[in-house]
Amino acid sequence: MFGRANALLGSNWTLHDLRRTAAYRMARDPKLALTDVQWVLGHAHLSTTQIYLPAGRDEIVNAVRAHHDRQTHEVRVPAVPAAGYR
């Protein structure tokens, strides 16, 4: 059946491609625990499942911008010098 679907669509997808796509989508779902995805995929180690969670470029840029925004808005209190220093 899978071969017929590939022929009809003119594609060359494999069952492994479908498994990886499903794993990626499940791992990115905030309502689904990564340990649940681990169980569905049959992974012995959570680190194996975590490969489906690479941060995208936009996510990294947004996280760095948010970090810098927090740093610029954070009130910095000067450190009190240690005894004996002015």
C-alpha atoms as a PDB file:
ATOM      1  CA  MET A   1       0.000   0.000   0.000  1.00  0.00           C
ATOM      2  CA  PHE A   2       2.791   2.392   0.867  1.00  0.00           C
ATOM      3  CA  GLY A   3       4.502   1.743  -2.446  1.00  0.00           C
ATOM      4  CA  ARG A   4       1.269   2.440  -4.329  1.00  0.00           C
ATOM      5  CA  ALA A   5       0.794   5.727  -2.446  1.00  0.00           C
ATOM      6  CA  ASN A   6       4.360   6.768  -3.299  1.00  0.00           C
ATOM      7  CA  ALA A   7       3.805   5.910  -6.940  1.00  0.00           C
ATOM      8  CA  LEU A   8       0.543   7.847  -7.049  1.00  0.00           C
ATOM      9  CA  LEU A   9       2.110  10.904  -5.398  1.00  0.00           C
ATOM     10  CA  GLY A  10       5.408  10.649  -7.257  1.00  0.00           C
ATOM     11  CA  SER A  11       7.294  10.590  -3.964  1.00  0.00           C
ATOM     12  CA  ASN A  12       9.805   8.269  -2.338  1.00  0.00           C
ATOM     13  CA  TRP A  13       8.817   8.430   1.342  1.00  0.00           C
ATOM     14  CA  THR A  14       9.788   5.557   3.606  1.00  0.00           C
ATOM     15  CA  LEU A  15       8.138   4.299   6.768  1.00  0.00           C
ATOM     16  CA  HIS A  16      11.132   5.635   8.660  1.00  0.00           C
ATOM     17  CA  ASP A  17      10.463   9.101   7.200  1.00  0.00           C
ATOM     18  CA  LEU A  18       6.916   8.939   8.528  1.00  0.00           C
ATOM     19  CA  ARG A  19       8.124   7.780  11.943  1.00  0.00           C
ATOM     20  CA  ARG A  20      10.597  10.658  12.174  1.00  0.00           C
ATOM     21  CA  THR A  21       7.969  13.179  11.073  1.00  0.00           C
ATOM     22  CA  ALA A  22       5.517  11.886  13.671  1.00  0.00           C
ATOM     23  CA  ALA A  23       8.242  11.919  16.340  1.00  0.00           C
ATOM     24  CA  TYR A  24       9.220  15.488  15.493  1.00  0.00           C
ATOM     25  CA  ARG A  25       5.623  16.697  15.616  1.00  0.00           C
ATOM     26  CA  MET A  26       4.884  14.894  18.887  1.00  0.00           C
ATOM     27  CA  ALA A  27       8.082  16.173  20.511  1.00  0.00           C
ATOM     28  CA  ARG A  28       7.233  19.767  19.549  1.00  0.00           C
ATOM     29  CA  ASP A  29       3.704  19.528  21.005  1.00  0.00           C
ATOM     30  CA  PRO A  30       3.705  21.445  24.321  1.00  0.00           C
ATOM     31  CA  LYS A  31       0.750  19.395  25.588  1.00  0.00           C
ATOM     32  CA  LEU A  32       2.575  16.077  25.183  1.00  0.00           C
ATOM     33  CA  ALA A  33       5.302  15.139  27.663  1.00  0.00           C
ATOM     34  CA  LEU A  34       8.614  14.149  26.109  1.00  0.00           C
ATOM     35  CA  THR A  35       8.612  11.006  28.250  1.00  0.00           C
ATOM     36  CA  ASP A  36       5.331  10.017  26.579  1.00  0.00           C
ATOM     37  CA  VAL A  37       6.933  10.479  23.161  1.00  0.00           C
ATOM     38  CA  GLN A  38       9.858   8.374  24.399  1.00  0.00           C
ATOM     39  CA  TRP A  39       7.455   5.582  25.321  1.00  0.00           C
ATOM     40  CA  VAL A  40       5.580   5.736  22.001  1.00  0.00           C
ATOM     41  CA  LEU A  41       8.839   5.531  20.059  1.00  0.00           C
ATOM     42  CA  GLY A  42      10.241   2.783  22.272  1.00  0.00           C
ATOM     43  CA  HIS A  43      13.421   4.673  23.113  1.00  0.00           C
ATOM     44  CA  ALA A  44      15.376   3.364  26.089  1.00  0.00           C
ATOM     45  CA  HIS A  45      16.931   6.761  26.820  1.00  0.00           C
ATOM     46  CA  LEU A  46      15.312  10.181  26.868  1.00  0.00           C
ATOM     47  CA  SER A  47      18.394  11.641  25.189  1.00  0.00           C
ATOM     48  CA  THR A  48      17.511   9.618  22.082  1.00  0.00           C
ATOM     49  CA  THR A  49      14.085  11.258  21.971  1.00  0.00           C
ATOM     50  CA  GLN A  50      15.557  14.719  22.550  1.00  0.00           C
ATOM     51  CA  ILE A  51      17.157  14.707  19.088  1.00  0.00           C
ATOM     52  CA  TYR A  52      13.706  15.627  17.785  1.00  0.00           C
ATOM     53  CA  LEU A  53      13.846  18.940  19.697  1.00  0.00           C
ATOM     54  CA  PRO A  54      16.480  21.025  17.931  1.00  0.00           C
ATOM     55  CA  ALA A  55      15.860  24.728  18.372  1.00  0.00           C
ATOM     56  CA  GLY A  56      14.990  26.533  15.187  1.00  0.00           C
ATOM     57  CA  ARG A  57      16.816  29.666  14.110  1.00  0.00           C
ATOM     58  CA  ASP A  58      13.847  31.908  14.957  1.00  0.00           C
ATOM     59  CA  GLU A  59      13.542  30.365  18.419  1.00  0.00           C
ATOM     60  CA  ILE A  60      17.218  30.996  19.140  1.00  0.00           C
ATOM     61  CA  VAL A  61      17.065  34.604  17.905  1.00  0.00           C
ATOM     62  CA  ASN A  62      13.927  35.276  19.979  1.00  0.00           C
ATOM     63  CA  ALA A  63      15.484  33.743  23.094  1.00  0.00           C
ATOM     64  CA  VAL A  64      18.654  35.838  22.728  1.00  0.00           C
ATOM     65  CA  ARG A  65      16.629  39.013  22.159  1.00  0.00           C
ATOM     66  CA  ALA A  66      14.486  38.260  25.217  1.00  0.00           C
ATOM     67  CA  HIS A  67      17.657  37.719  27.258  1.00  0.00           C
ATOM     68  CA  HIS A  68      19.069  41.073  26.187  1.00  0.00           C
ATOM     69  CA  ASP A  69      15.735  42.796  26.889  1.00  0.00           C
ATOM     70  CA  ARG A  70      15.747  41.369  30.410  1.00  0.00           C
ATOM     71  CA  GLN A  71      19.325  42.526  30.929  1.00  0.00           C
ATOM     72  CA  THR A  72      18.613  46.090  29.794  1.00  0.00           C
ATOM     73  CA  HIS A  73      15.491  46.411  31.972  1.00  0.00           C
ATOM     74  CA  GLU A  74      17.005  44.789  35.043  1.00  0.00           C
ATOM     75  CA  VAL A  75      17.887  47.246  37.789  1.00  0.00           C
ATOM     76  CA  ARG A  76      21.517  46.779  38.665  1.00  0.00           C
ATOM     77  CA  VAL A  77      22.448  47.540  42.243  1.00  0.00           C
ATOM     78  CA  PRO A  78      26.155  48.279  42.603  1.00  0.00           C
ATOM     79  CA  ALA A  79      27.984  45.763  44.732  1.00  0.00           C
ATOM     80  CA  VAL A  80      28.977  46.946  48.175  1.00  0.00           C
ATOM     81  CA  PRO A  81      32.754  47.027  48.397  1.00  0.00           C
ATOM     82  CA  ALA A  82      34.384  44.663  50.853  1.00  0.00           C
ATOM     83  CA  ALA A  83      35.632  46.018  54.176  1.00  0.00           C
ATOM     84  CA  GLY A  84      38.766  48.081  53.744  1.00  0.00           C
ATOM     85  CA  TYR A  85      37.902  49.299  50.224  1.00  0.00           C
ATOM     86  CA  ARG A  86      36.322  52.605  49.224  1.00  0.00           C
END
